[in-house]
């Protein structure tokens, strides 16, 4: 079974870039690696619905109960389960750009205290318990302050699921701050490693972040 590495972080933290670079580094080291990005907007029914949600088709962020939203993201992964299992059987390493923790962080951020804890448990039960998705071996949190993240979001290339510069989630700084808070909570768990994407001098370089990620996981392959 392949090593399953999940790269997480708020929108704009560089997950996609670092996931691609990590796969390239594994390939250069002679290790067969596969990159899978979630949501799979154009590949699954639920992924398409996620794109609609992020574009505002179902209303504003607060208009839809987060538990219902979580089912869209979880459904996208359930539709992708066979593909993920094939990758785990056929490669030495599978790198994920977002996974179950992303669903937890984004939806639980909309609730507080006991409600937040209850929602986290529900999402984890659905994805890992009912859908029996594989557990990641390593979760990497790319941690970045919200103002810096939104500056990077504004520079993003067009995405397949939206014509907007920022989707519903990306455009809401207060929301992203809550998501970051939940990520910090999740990252206290086992198999997590937090990678700071900024320091006292500002944004760290892509290469510096990539080197730290490789130091954290390259030896585990």
N, C-alpha and C. Protein backbone atom coordinates (compact mmCIF):
# COMPACT_ATOMS: atom_id res chain seq x y z
N UNK A 1 0.84 -1.19 0.00
CA UNK A 1 0.00 0.00 0.00
C UNK A 1 0.88 1.25 0.00
N UNK A 2 0.50 2.22 -0.78
CA UNK A 2 1.30 3.44 -0.92
C UNK A 2 1.26 4.30 0.34
N UNK A 3 2.27 5.14 0.47
CA UNK A 3 2.28 6.18 1.50
C UNK A 3 1.30 7.26 1.05
N UNK A 4 0.34 7.60 1.90
CA UNK A 4 -0.69 8.58 1.55
C UNK A 4 -0.40 9.88 2.29
N UNK A 5 -0.06 10.92 1.52
CA UNK A 5 0.32 12.22 2.08
C UNK A 5 -0.74 13.24 1.71
N UNK A 6 -1.29 13.91 2.70
CA UNK A 6 -2.32 14.92 2.49
C UNK A 6 -1.75 16.31 2.76
N UNK A 7 -1.90 17.22 1.79
CA UNK A 7 -1.44 18.60 1.96
C UNK A 7 -2.65 19.49 2.16
N UNK A 8 -2.70 20.19 3.30
CA UNK A 8 -3.84 20.99 3.70
C UNK A 8 -3.43 22.45 3.93
N UNK A 9 -4.44 23.31 4.08
CA UNK A 9 -4.21 24.72 4.36
C UNK A 9 -5.36 25.56 3.84
N UNK A 10 -5.45 26.79 4.31
CA UNK A 10 -6.53 27.65 3.84
C UNK A 10 -6.31 27.99 2.37
N UNK A 11 -7.34 28.51 1.74
CA UNK A 11 -7.22 28.92 0.34
C UNK A 11 -6.08 29.93 0.19
N UNK A 12 -5.29 29.74 -0.86
CA UNK A 12 -4.19 30.66 -1.11
C UNK A 12 -2.88 30.28 -0.46
N UNK A 13 -2.85 29.17 0.27
CA UNK A 13 -1.64 28.79 1.00
C UNK A 13 -0.62 28.05 0.15
N UNK A 14 -0.97 27.72 -1.09
CA UNK A 14 0.00 27.09 -1.99
C UNK A 14 -0.05 25.58 -2.04
N UNK A 15 -1.19 25.00 -1.66
CA UNK A 15 -1.30 23.53 -1.62
C UNK A 15 -1.04 22.89 -2.98
N UNK A 16 -1.70 23.41 -4.02
CA UNK A 16 -1.56 22.83 -5.34
C UNK A 16 -0.13 22.87 -5.85
N UNK A 17 0.51 24.01 -5.68
CA UNK A 17 1.90 24.16 -6.11
C UNK A 17 2.82 23.20 -5.38
N UNK A 18 2.68 23.14 -4.06
CA UNK A 18 3.55 22.28 -3.26
C UNK A 18 3.26 20.80 -3.51
N UNK A 19 2.03 20.45 -3.77
CA UNK A 19 1.69 19.05 -4.07
C UNK A 19 2.36 18.63 -5.37
N UNK A 20 2.32 19.48 -6.37
CA UNK A 20 2.97 19.17 -7.64
C UNK A 20 4.48 19.05 -7.46
N UNK A 21 5.07 19.97 -6.71
CA UNK A 21 6.51 19.93 -6.49
C UNK A 21 6.93 18.69 -5.71
N UNK A 22 6.11 18.29 -4.75
CA UNK A 22 6.44 17.10 -3.97
C UNK A 22 6.42 15.85 -4.85
N UNK A 23 5.42 15.73 -5.72
CA UNK A 23 5.38 14.59 -6.64
C UNK A 23 6.59 14.59 -7.55
N UNK A 24 6.99 15.77 -8.03
CA UNK A 24 8.15 15.86 -8.91
C UNK A 24 9.42 15.43 -8.17
N UNK A 25 9.53 15.78 -6.90
CA UNK A 25 10.72 15.41 -6.14
C UNK A 25 10.76 13.90 -5.91
N UNK A 26 9.61 13.31 -5.65
CA UNK A 26 9.58 11.85 -5.51
C UNK A 26 10.00 11.19 -6.82
N UNK A 27 9.47 11.70 -7.95
CA UNK A 27 9.81 11.13 -9.26
C UNK A 27 11.31 11.24 -9.53
N UNK A 28 11.89 12.39 -9.17
CA UNK A 28 13.33 12.59 -9.36
C UNK A 28 14.15 11.64 -8.51
N UNK A 29 13.57 11.22 -7.39
CA UNK A 29 14.26 10.28 -6.49
C UNK A 29 13.99 8.83 -6.88
N UNK A 30 13.26 8.62 -7.99
CA UNK A 30 12.96 7.28 -8.45
C UNK A 30 11.80 6.62 -7.76
N UNK A 31 10.95 7.43 -7.12
CA UNK A 31 9.78 6.91 -6.40
C UNK A 31 8.52 7.26 -7.19
N UNK A 32 7.75 6.26 -7.56
CA UNK A 32 6.52 6.48 -8.33
C UNK A 32 5.47 7.16 -7.46
N UNK A 33 5.05 8.35 -7.87
CA UNK A 33 4.10 9.13 -7.08
C UNK A 33 2.94 9.61 -7.94
N UNK A 34 1.77 9.69 -7.35
CA UNK A 34 0.55 10.12 -8.03
C UNK A 34 -0.06 11.28 -7.27
N UNK A 35 -0.47 12.33 -7.98
CA UNK A 35 -1.13 13.49 -7.38
C UNK A 35 -2.63 13.42 -7.65
N UNK A 36 -3.42 13.60 -6.60
CA UNK A 36 -4.87 13.67 -6.72
C UNK A 36 -5.34 14.93 -6.01
N UNK A 37 -6.13 15.74 -6.69
CA UNK A 37 -6.64 16.99 -6.11
C UNK A 37 -8.14 16.89 -5.88
N UNK A 38 -8.57 17.34 -4.72
CA UNK A 38 -9.99 17.43 -4.39
C UNK A 38 -10.36 18.88 -4.13
N UNK A 39 -11.60 19.29 -4.47
CA UNK A 39 -12.66 18.52 -5.12
C UNK A 39 -12.32 18.23 -6.59
N UNK A 40 -12.95 17.21 -7.15
CA UNK A 40 -12.79 16.85 -8.55
C UNK A 40 -13.98 17.42 -9.32
N UNK A 41 -13.92 18.74 -9.51
CA UNK A 41 -15.05 19.51 -10.01
C UNK A 41 -15.67 18.95 -11.29
N UNK A 42 -14.85 18.49 -12.21
CA UNK A 42 -15.35 18.08 -13.52
C UNK A 42 -15.42 16.56 -13.67
N UNK A 43 -15.01 15.83 -12.65
CA UNK A 43 -14.93 14.37 -12.77
C UNK A 43 -16.05 13.63 -12.05
N UNK A 44 -16.72 14.28 -11.09
CA UNK A 44 -17.77 13.61 -10.34
C UNK A 44 -19.03 14.48 -10.27
N UNK A 45 -20.15 13.83 -10.03
CA UNK A 45 -21.42 14.55 -9.87
C UNK A 45 -21.35 15.48 -8.67
N UNK A 46 -20.87 14.97 -7.55
CA UNK A 46 -20.78 15.79 -6.35
C UNK A 46 -19.75 16.90 -6.52
N UNK A 47 -18.67 16.63 -7.23
CA UNK A 47 -17.68 17.66 -7.48
C UNK A 47 -18.26 18.83 -8.25
N UNK A 48 -19.11 18.54 -9.22
CA UNK A 48 -19.79 19.60 -9.95
C UNK A 48 -20.69 20.41 -9.05
N UNK A 49 -21.37 19.72 -8.12
CA UNK A 49 -22.24 20.42 -7.18
C UNK A 49 -21.43 21.30 -6.23
N UNK A 50 -20.23 20.85 -5.85
CA UNK A 50 -19.35 21.67 -5.02
C UNK A 50 -19.01 22.97 -5.75
N UNK A 51 -18.70 22.85 -7.04
CA UNK A 51 -18.40 24.04 -7.83
C UNK A 51 -19.57 25.01 -7.86
N UNK A 52 -20.78 24.48 -8.00
CA UNK A 52 -21.97 25.33 -7.99
C UNK A 52 -22.11 26.05 -6.64
N UNK A 53 -21.90 25.30 -5.57
CA UNK A 53 -21.99 25.90 -4.24
C UNK A 53 -20.99 27.04 -4.08
N UNK A 54 -19.74 26.80 -4.48
CA UNK A 54 -18.70 27.81 -4.33
C UNK A 54 -18.94 29.03 -5.22
N UNK A 55 -19.73 28.84 -6.26
CA UNK A 55 -20.06 29.96 -7.14
C UNK A 55 -21.30 30.71 -6.67
N UNK A 56 -21.92 30.25 -5.57
CA UNK A 56 -23.07 30.94 -5.02
C UNK A 56 -24.41 30.48 -5.54
N UNK A 57 -24.45 29.34 -6.25
CA UNK A 57 -25.70 28.87 -6.83
C UNK A 57 -26.72 28.48 -5.77
N UNK A 58 -26.27 28.11 -4.57
CA UNK A 58 -27.16 27.68 -3.50
C UNK A 58 -27.35 28.77 -2.44
N UNK A 59 -26.78 29.95 -2.68
CA UNK A 59 -26.88 31.04 -1.73
C UNK A 59 -25.52 31.39 -1.15
N UNK A 60 -25.51 32.27 -0.16
CA UNK A 60 -24.27 32.68 0.49
C UNK A 60 -23.78 31.57 1.43
N UNK A 61 -22.56 31.73 1.91
CA UNK A 61 -21.97 30.71 2.78
C UNK A 61 -22.88 30.34 3.95
N UNK A 62 -23.50 31.36 4.55
CA UNK A 62 -24.32 31.12 5.74
C UNK A 62 -25.71 30.60 5.41
N UNK A 63 -26.05 30.55 4.13
CA UNK A 63 -27.41 30.14 3.74
C UNK A 63 -27.61 28.63 3.77
N UNK A 64 -26.55 27.87 3.68
CA UNK A 64 -26.66 26.41 3.62
C UNK A 64 -26.01 25.81 4.87
N UNK A 65 -26.73 24.93 5.54
CA UNK A 65 -26.19 24.33 6.77
C UNK A 65 -24.88 23.61 6.45
N UNK A 66 -23.85 23.80 7.27
CA UNK A 66 -22.55 23.20 6.97
C UNK A 66 -22.57 21.68 6.89
N UNK A 67 -23.47 21.03 7.62
CA UNK A 67 -23.54 19.57 7.51
C UNK A 67 -23.95 19.16 6.12
N UNK A 68 -24.93 19.88 5.53
CA UNK A 68 -25.36 19.57 4.17
C UNK A 68 -24.24 19.83 3.17
N UNK A 69 -23.51 20.93 3.38
CA UNK A 69 -22.37 21.22 2.49
C UNK A 69 -21.32 20.13 2.60
N UNK A 70 -21.09 19.64 3.81
CA UNK A 70 -20.07 18.60 4.00
C UNK A 70 -20.39 17.34 3.20
N UNK A 71 -21.68 17.08 2.98
CA UNK A 71 -22.07 15.89 2.23
C UNK A 71 -21.66 15.99 0.77
N UNK A 72 -21.63 17.21 0.22
CA UNK A 72 -21.19 17.40 -1.16
C UNK A 72 -19.71 17.04 -1.29
N UNK A 73 -18.89 17.58 -0.40
CA UNK A 73 -17.45 17.32 -0.45
C UNK A 73 -17.15 15.84 -0.17
N UNK A 74 -17.86 15.27 0.80
CA UNK A 74 -17.66 13.85 1.11
C UNK A 74 -18.12 12.98 -0.05
N UNK A 75 -19.21 13.36 -0.70
CA UNK A 75 -19.72 12.60 -1.84
C UNK A 75 -18.74 12.60 -3.00
N UNK A 76 -18.06 13.71 -3.20
CA UNK A 76 -17.04 13.79 -4.25
C UNK A 76 -15.95 12.77 -4.00
N UNK A 77 -15.52 12.61 -2.76
CA UNK A 77 -14.47 11.64 -2.44
C UNK A 77 -15.02 10.21 -2.52
N UNK A 78 -16.29 10.01 -2.14
CA UNK A 78 -16.87 8.67 -2.24
C UNK A 78 -16.93 8.22 -3.69
N UNK A 79 -17.32 9.13 -4.59
CA UNK A 79 -17.31 8.81 -6.02
C UNK A 79 -15.90 8.51 -6.52
N UNK A 80 -14.91 9.06 -5.86
CA UNK A 80 -13.51 8.92 -6.29
C UNK A 80 -12.80 7.78 -5.57
N UNK A 81 -13.50 7.05 -4.70
CA UNK A 81 -12.86 6.06 -3.84
C UNK A 81 -12.13 4.98 -4.64
N UNK A 82 -12.77 4.42 -5.67
CA UNK A 82 -12.13 3.37 -6.45
C UNK A 82 -10.88 3.89 -7.14
N UNK A 83 -10.95 5.10 -7.67
CA UNK A 83 -9.78 5.70 -8.31
C UNK A 83 -8.65 5.88 -7.31
N UNK A 84 -8.97 6.32 -6.10
CA UNK A 84 -7.97 6.50 -5.05
C UNK A 84 -7.36 5.16 -4.65
N UNK A 85 -8.18 4.14 -4.52
CA UNK A 85 -7.67 2.82 -4.14
C UNK A 85 -6.76 2.25 -5.22
N UNK A 86 -7.09 2.48 -6.50
CA UNK A 86 -6.22 2.03 -7.59
C UNK A 86 -4.86 2.73 -7.52
N UNK A 87 -4.89 4.02 -7.21
CA UNK A 87 -3.64 4.77 -7.09
C UNK A 87 -2.79 4.24 -5.95
N UNK A 88 -3.43 3.94 -4.83
CA UNK A 88 -2.69 3.41 -3.68
C UNK A 88 -2.08 2.04 -3.97
N UNK A 89 -2.73 1.28 -4.86
CA UNK A 89 -2.21 -0.04 -5.22
C UNK A 89 -1.13 0.04 -6.29
N UNK A 90 -1.14 1.11 -7.07
CA UNK A 90 -0.24 1.18 -8.21
C UNK A 90 0.96 2.08 -8.07
N UNK A 91 1.00 2.88 -6.99
CA UNK A 91 2.10 3.83 -6.79
C UNK A 91 2.71 3.63 -5.40
N UNK A 92 3.94 4.10 -5.26
CA UNK A 92 4.59 4.03 -3.95
C UNK A 92 4.11 5.14 -3.04
N UNK A 93 3.75 6.29 -3.63
CA UNK A 93 3.29 7.46 -2.88
C UNK A 93 2.10 8.07 -3.59
N UNK A 94 1.09 8.45 -2.83
CA UNK A 94 -0.03 9.23 -3.36
C UNK A 94 -0.09 10.54 -2.57
N UNK A 95 -0.04 11.65 -3.30
CA UNK A 95 -0.09 12.98 -2.69
C UNK A 95 -1.46 13.58 -2.96
N UNK A 96 -2.10 14.04 -1.90
CA UNK A 96 -3.43 14.62 -2.00
C UNK A 96 -3.38 16.13 -1.80
N UNK A 97 -3.96 16.86 -2.73
CA UNK A 97 -4.16 18.30 -2.59
C UNK A 97 -5.57 18.48 -2.05
N UNK A 98 -5.70 18.57 -0.74
CA UNK A 98 -6.96 18.57 0.02
C UNK A 98 -7.49 17.15 0.17
N UNK A 99 -8.10 16.92 1.34
CA UNK A 99 -8.72 15.62 1.61
C UNK A 99 -9.75 15.83 2.71
N UNK A 100 -10.02 14.83 3.48
CA UNK A 100 -11.05 14.89 4.52
C UNK A 100 -10.85 16.06 5.49
N UNK A 101 -9.61 16.33 5.96
CA UNK A 101 -9.43 17.45 6.89
C UNK A 101 -9.91 18.80 6.32
N UNK A 102 -9.86 18.94 5.01
CA UNK A 102 -10.35 20.18 4.40
C UNK A 102 -11.84 20.34 4.63
N UNK A 103 -12.58 19.26 4.48
CA UNK A 103 -14.02 19.28 4.72
C UNK A 103 -14.29 19.63 6.19
N UNK A 104 -13.54 19.00 7.08
CA UNK A 104 -13.70 19.27 8.51
C UNK A 104 -13.43 20.73 8.82
N UNK A 105 -12.30 21.25 8.35
CA UNK A 105 -11.91 22.62 8.68
C UNK A 105 -12.90 23.64 8.14
N UNK A 106 -13.29 23.47 6.89
CA UNK A 106 -14.16 24.47 6.26
C UNK A 106 -15.57 24.44 6.83
N UNK A 107 -16.12 23.28 7.10
CA UNK A 107 -17.50 23.23 7.59
C UNK A 107 -17.59 23.46 9.10
N UNK A 108 -16.65 22.89 9.86
CA UNK A 108 -16.68 23.09 11.32
C UNK A 108 -16.39 24.53 11.69
N UNK A 109 -15.72 25.26 10.81
CA UNK A 109 -15.41 26.67 11.09
C UNK A 109 -16.67 27.51 11.22
N UNK A 110 -17.79 27.00 10.70
CA UNK A 110 -19.05 27.76 10.72
C UNK A 110 -19.85 27.53 12.00
N UNK A 111 -19.31 26.72 12.90
CA UNK A 111 -19.96 26.45 14.17
C UNK A 111 -18.94 26.64 15.30
N UNK A 112 -19.42 26.71 16.54
CA UNK A 112 -18.54 26.96 17.67
C UNK A 112 -18.81 25.99 18.81
N UNK A 113 -17.82 25.83 19.66
CA UNK A 113 -17.92 25.05 20.89
C UNK A 113 -18.47 23.64 20.63
N UNK A 114 -19.52 23.25 21.36
CA UNK A 114 -20.03 21.88 21.28
C UNK A 114 -20.56 21.56 19.88
N UNK A 115 -21.19 22.54 19.22
CA UNK A 115 -21.70 22.31 17.86
C UNK A 115 -20.56 22.00 16.91
N UNK A 116 -19.44 22.70 17.07
CA UNK A 116 -18.28 22.45 16.20
C UNK A 116 -17.76 21.04 16.42
N UNK A 117 -17.60 20.65 17.68
CA UNK A 117 -17.09 19.32 17.99
C UNK A 117 -17.99 18.23 17.42
N UNK A 118 -19.30 18.43 17.55
CA UNK A 118 -20.26 17.44 17.06
C UNK A 118 -20.19 17.32 15.53
N UNK A 119 -20.02 18.45 14.85
CA UNK A 119 -19.95 18.43 13.40
C UNK A 119 -18.67 17.75 12.93
N UNK A 120 -17.57 18.01 13.62
CA UNK A 120 -16.31 17.34 13.28
C UNK A 120 -16.47 15.83 13.36
N UNK A 121 -17.09 15.35 14.43
CA UNK A 121 -17.28 13.91 14.61
C UNK A 121 -18.17 13.33 13.51
N UNK A 122 -19.21 14.06 13.11
CA UNK A 122 -20.10 13.58 12.05
C UNK A 122 -19.36 13.45 10.72
N UNK A 123 -18.60 14.47 10.37
CA UNK A 123 -17.89 14.45 9.09
C UNK A 123 -16.87 13.31 9.06
N UNK A 124 -16.11 13.16 10.14
CA UNK A 124 -15.12 12.09 10.20
C UNK A 124 -15.79 10.71 10.12
N UNK A 125 -16.95 10.58 10.77
CA UNK A 125 -17.67 9.30 10.73
C UNK A 125 -18.16 8.99 9.32
N UNK A 126 -18.68 10.00 8.62
CA UNK A 126 -19.16 9.78 7.26
C UNK A 126 -18.02 9.37 6.34
N UNK A 127 -16.93 10.15 6.36
CA UNK A 127 -15.86 9.92 5.39
C UNK A 127 -15.02 8.68 5.70
N UNK A 128 -14.62 8.53 6.95
CA UNK A 128 -13.77 7.40 7.31
C UNK A 128 -14.56 6.17 7.79
N UNK A 129 -15.73 6.41 8.42
CA UNK A 129 -16.52 5.31 8.95
C UNK A 129 -17.47 4.72 7.93
N UNK A 130 -18.42 5.52 7.43
CA UNK A 130 -19.42 5.03 6.49
C UNK A 130 -18.83 4.79 5.11
N UNK A 131 -18.09 5.79 4.57
CA UNK A 131 -17.52 5.66 3.24
C UNK A 131 -16.21 4.87 3.23
N UNK A 132 -15.62 4.69 4.40
CA UNK A 132 -14.39 3.91 4.56
C UNK A 132 -13.26 4.38 3.64
N UNK A 133 -13.09 5.68 3.57
CA UNK A 133 -11.98 6.23 2.82
C UNK A 133 -10.68 5.96 3.59
N UNK A 134 -9.58 5.76 2.88
CA UNK A 134 -8.31 5.46 3.57
C UNK A 134 -7.82 6.64 4.39
N UNK A 135 -7.24 6.33 5.53
CA UNK A 135 -6.67 7.37 6.39
C UNK A 135 -5.32 7.81 5.85
N UNK A 136 -5.02 9.10 5.85
CA UNK A 136 -3.70 9.56 5.42
C UNK A 136 -2.63 9.15 6.42
N UNK A 137 -1.43 8.86 5.91
CA UNK A 137 -0.30 8.54 6.78
C UNK A 137 0.32 9.81 7.35
N UNK A 138 0.31 10.88 6.55
CA UNK A 138 0.89 12.16 6.94
C UNK A 138 -0.02 13.28 6.48
N UNK A 139 -0.28 14.24 7.35
CA UNK A 139 -1.01 15.45 6.98
C UNK A 139 -0.09 16.65 7.18
N UNK A 140 0.08 17.44 6.15
CA UNK A 140 0.91 18.63 6.22
C UNK A 140 0.03 19.86 6.17
N UNK A 141 0.12 20.71 7.17
CA UNK A 141 -0.63 21.96 7.18
C UNK A 141 0.27 23.09 6.72
N UNK A 142 -0.05 23.68 5.57
CA UNK A 142 0.65 24.87 5.09
C UNK A 142 -0.02 26.07 5.73
N UNK A 143 0.63 26.62 6.74
CA UNK A 143 0.03 27.68 7.54
C UNK A 143 0.43 29.06 7.03
N UNK A 144 -0.58 29.88 6.76
CA UNK A 144 -0.35 31.22 6.21
C UNK A 144 -1.39 32.18 6.76
N UNK A 145 -0.98 33.38 7.23
CA UNK A 145 -1.96 34.37 7.69
C UNK A 145 -2.93 34.73 6.58
N UNK A 146 -4.17 35.02 6.95
CA UNK A 146 -5.23 35.28 5.98
C UNK A 146 -4.90 36.44 5.03
N UNK A 147 -4.40 37.60 5.49
CA UNK A 147 -4.12 38.69 4.55
C UNK A 147 -3.15 38.28 3.44
N UNK A 148 -2.11 37.52 3.79
CA UNK A 148 -1.17 37.04 2.78
C UNK A 148 -1.85 36.06 1.83
N UNK A 149 -2.68 35.18 2.40
CA UNK A 149 -3.38 34.20 1.57
C UNK A 149 -4.28 34.88 0.54
N UNK A 150 -4.99 35.92 0.95
CA UNK A 150 -5.89 36.59 0.03
C UNK A 150 -5.13 37.35 -1.06
N UNK A 151 -3.95 37.84 -0.74
CA UNK A 151 -3.12 38.46 -1.77
C UNK A 151 -2.74 37.44 -2.83
N UNK A 152 -2.43 36.22 -2.40
CA UNK A 152 -2.07 35.17 -3.34
C UNK A 152 -3.28 34.67 -4.12
N UNK A 153 -4.44 34.64 -3.48
CA UNK A 153 -5.67 34.25 -4.17
C UNK A 153 -5.94 35.17 -5.35
N UNK A 154 -5.69 36.46 -5.15
CA UNK A 154 -5.93 37.45 -6.22
C UNK A 154 -5.04 37.22 -7.43
N UNK A 155 -3.94 36.50 -7.25
CA UNK A 155 -3.01 36.25 -8.36
C UNK A 155 -3.26 34.91 -9.04
N UNK A 156 -4.23 34.15 -8.56
CA UNK A 156 -4.47 32.81 -9.11
C UNK A 156 -4.90 32.87 -10.57
N UNK A 157 -4.49 31.85 -11.31
CA UNK A 157 -4.96 31.69 -12.69
C UNK A 157 -6.43 31.28 -12.66
N UNK A 158 -7.16 31.46 -13.77
CA UNK A 158 -8.57 31.06 -13.81
C UNK A 158 -8.74 29.58 -13.45
N UNK A 159 -9.80 29.28 -12.70
CA UNK A 159 -10.11 27.90 -12.33
C UNK A 159 -11.24 27.36 -13.17
N UNK A 160 -11.34 26.06 -13.32
CA UNK A 160 -12.36 25.45 -14.17
C UNK A 160 -13.77 25.64 -13.64
N UNK A 161 -13.91 25.78 -12.31
CA UNK A 161 -15.25 25.80 -11.73
C UNK A 161 -15.82 27.20 -11.54
N UNK A 162 -14.99 28.25 -11.75
CA UNK A 162 -15.49 29.61 -11.53
C UNK A 162 -14.79 30.61 -12.44
N UNK A 163 -15.53 31.65 -12.81
CA UNK A 163 -14.95 32.74 -13.59
C UNK A 163 -14.57 33.91 -12.68
N UNK A 164 -14.83 33.76 -11.37
CA UNK A 164 -14.56 34.82 -10.41
C UNK A 164 -13.10 34.79 -9.96
N UNK A 165 -12.60 35.96 -9.54
CA UNK A 165 -11.26 36.02 -8.98
C UNK A 165 -11.17 35.23 -7.69
N UNK A 166 -12.23 35.31 -6.87
CA UNK A 166 -12.29 34.56 -5.61
C UNK A 166 -13.69 33.97 -5.45
N UNK A 167 -13.76 32.70 -5.06
CA UNK A 167 -15.06 32.09 -4.83
C UNK A 167 -15.61 32.53 -3.47
N UNK A 168 -16.77 31.97 -3.10
CA UNK A 168 -17.42 32.39 -1.85
C UNK A 168 -16.50 32.28 -0.64
N UNK A 169 -15.77 31.19 -0.56
CA UNK A 169 -14.91 30.95 0.59
C UNK A 169 -13.68 31.85 0.57
N UNK A 170 -13.08 31.97 -0.60
CA UNK A 170 -11.84 32.74 -0.73
C UNK A 170 -12.03 34.23 -0.45
N UNK A 171 -13.24 34.71 -0.75
CA UNK A 171 -13.49 36.15 -0.64
C UNK A 171 -13.79 36.62 0.78
N UNK A 172 -14.02 35.70 1.69
CA UNK A 172 -14.46 36.03 3.04
C UNK A 172 -13.30 35.87 4.03
N UNK A 173 -12.66 36.98 4.40
CA UNK A 173 -11.48 36.93 5.28
C UNK A 173 -11.83 36.38 6.66
N UNK A 174 -12.96 36.79 7.22
CA UNK A 174 -13.35 36.32 8.55
C UNK A 174 -13.57 34.80 8.54
N UNK A 175 -14.18 34.33 7.47
CA UNK A 175 -14.40 32.89 7.32
C UNK A 175 -13.07 32.14 7.25
N UNK A 176 -12.14 32.65 6.43
CA UNK A 176 -10.84 31.99 6.30
C UNK A 176 -10.09 31.96 7.64
N UNK A 177 -10.26 33.00 8.44
CA UNK A 177 -9.62 33.03 9.75
C UNK A 177 -10.17 31.91 10.64
N UNK A 178 -11.46 31.66 10.56
CA UNK A 178 -12.06 30.58 11.34
C UNK A 178 -11.59 29.21 10.84
N UNK A 179 -11.46 29.08 9.52
CA UNK A 179 -10.96 27.83 8.95
C UNK A 179 -9.54 27.57 9.44
N UNK A 180 -8.72 28.62 9.44
CA UNK A 180 -7.34 28.48 9.92
C UNK A 180 -7.32 28.04 11.38
N UNK A 181 -8.23 28.58 12.17
CA UNK A 181 -8.32 28.19 13.59
C UNK A 181 -8.61 26.71 13.74
N UNK A 182 -9.54 26.18 12.93
CA UNK A 182 -9.86 24.75 13.02
C UNK A 182 -8.67 23.92 12.55
N UNK A 183 -8.00 24.37 11.50
CA UNK A 183 -6.81 23.65 11.05
C UNK A 183 -5.76 23.55 12.16
N UNK A 184 -5.58 24.64 12.89
CA UNK A 184 -4.60 24.62 13.99
C UNK A 184 -5.00 23.58 15.03
N UNK A 185 -6.29 23.45 15.27
CA UNK A 185 -6.77 22.43 16.21
C UNK A 185 -6.49 21.03 15.67
N UNK A 186 -6.80 20.80 14.40
CA UNK A 186 -6.58 19.49 13.80
C UNK A 186 -5.10 19.11 13.81
N UNK A 187 -4.26 20.11 13.59
CA UNK A 187 -2.82 19.86 13.44
C UNK A 187 -2.13 19.49 14.76
N UNK A 188 -2.87 19.50 15.86
CA UNK A 188 -2.30 19.02 17.12
C UNK A 188 -2.37 17.49 17.21
N UNK A 189 -3.07 16.89 16.25
CA UNK A 189 -3.24 15.44 16.28
C UNK A 189 -2.02 14.70 15.75
N UNK A 190 -2.02 13.36 15.91
CA UNK A 190 -0.90 12.56 15.42
C UNK A 190 -0.80 12.60 13.90
N UNK A 191 0.40 12.42 13.39
CA UNK A 191 0.67 12.38 11.94
C UNK A 191 0.52 13.72 11.25
N UNK A 192 0.41 14.81 12.02
CA UNK A 192 0.35 16.15 11.43
C UNK A 192 1.70 16.84 11.56
N UNK A 193 2.02 17.66 10.59
CA UNK A 193 3.20 18.52 10.63
C UNK A 193 2.79 19.88 10.08
N UNK A 194 3.06 20.96 10.82
CA UNK A 194 2.74 22.31 10.37
C UNK A 194 3.96 22.94 9.71
N UNK A 195 3.77 23.45 8.50
CA UNK A 195 4.81 24.12 7.74
C UNK A 195 4.44 25.60 7.64
N UNK A 196 5.20 26.46 8.27
CA UNK A 196 4.92 27.90 8.21
C UNK A 196 5.34 28.45 6.85
N UNK A 197 4.41 29.11 6.19
CA UNK A 197 4.68 29.66 4.86
C UNK A 197 5.14 31.11 4.91
N UNK A 198 5.27 31.65 6.11
CA UNK A 198 5.76 33.02 6.27
C UNK A 198 6.65 33.07 7.50
N UNK A 199 7.47 34.12 7.58
CA UNK A 199 8.30 34.35 8.75
C UNK A 199 8.35 35.84 9.02
N UNK A 200 9.32 36.27 9.85
CA UNK A 200 9.38 37.70 10.20
C UNK A 200 9.68 38.59 9.00
N UNK A 201 10.16 38.00 7.92
CA UNK A 201 10.48 38.78 6.72
C UNK A 201 9.36 38.77 5.69
N UNK A 202 8.27 38.07 6.01
CA UNK A 202 7.15 38.01 5.07
C UNK A 202 6.97 36.61 4.51
N UNK A 203 6.51 36.52 3.29
CA UNK A 203 6.24 35.24 2.65
C UNK A 203 7.54 34.49 2.35
N UNK A 204 7.61 33.25 2.77
CA UNK A 204 8.78 32.42 2.43
C UNK A 204 8.71 32.03 0.96
N UNK A 205 9.85 31.68 0.39
CA UNK A 205 9.86 31.30 -1.03
C UNK A 205 9.25 29.92 -1.21
N UNK A 206 8.76 29.69 -2.41
CA UNK A 206 8.19 28.38 -2.75
C UNK A 206 9.23 27.29 -2.55
N UNK A 207 10.48 27.57 -2.92
CA UNK A 207 11.55 26.58 -2.79
C UNK A 207 11.83 26.26 -1.33
N UNK A 208 11.83 27.27 -0.46
CA UNK A 208 12.08 27.03 0.96
C UNK A 208 11.01 26.13 1.55
N UNK A 209 9.76 26.41 1.21
CA UNK A 209 8.65 25.60 1.73
C UNK A 209 8.75 24.18 1.20
N UNK A 210 9.07 24.04 -0.08
CA UNK A 210 9.21 22.72 -0.68
C UNK A 210 10.31 21.92 0.00
N UNK A 211 11.42 22.57 0.31
CA UNK A 211 12.53 21.88 0.99
C UNK A 211 12.10 21.37 2.37
N UNK A 212 11.34 22.16 3.10
CA UNK A 212 10.89 21.73 4.43
C UNK A 212 9.92 20.56 4.32
N UNK A 213 9.04 20.62 3.32
CA UNK A 213 8.11 19.51 3.11
C UNK A 213 8.88 18.24 2.78
N UNK A 214 9.88 18.36 1.92
CA UNK A 214 10.66 17.19 1.53
C UNK A 214 11.42 16.62 2.73
N UNK A 215 11.93 17.48 3.58
CA UNK A 215 12.61 17.01 4.79
C UNK A 215 11.65 16.25 5.70
N UNK A 216 10.38 16.66 5.69
CA UNK A 216 9.38 16.05 6.57
C UNK A 216 8.91 14.69 6.06
N UNK A 217 8.83 14.52 4.73
CA UNK A 217 8.20 13.29 4.19
C UNK A 217 9.07 12.50 3.24
N UNK A 218 10.10 13.11 2.66
CA UNK A 218 10.88 12.40 1.66
C UNK A 218 11.51 11.12 2.17
N UNK A 219 11.95 11.14 3.39
CA UNK A 219 12.61 9.95 3.96
C UNK A 219 11.64 8.82 4.28
N UNK A 220 10.34 9.12 4.25
CA UNK A 220 9.35 8.09 4.61
C UNK A 220 8.94 7.22 3.45
N UNK A 221 9.35 7.57 2.24
CA UNK A 221 8.93 6.81 1.05
C UNK A 221 9.70 5.49 0.92
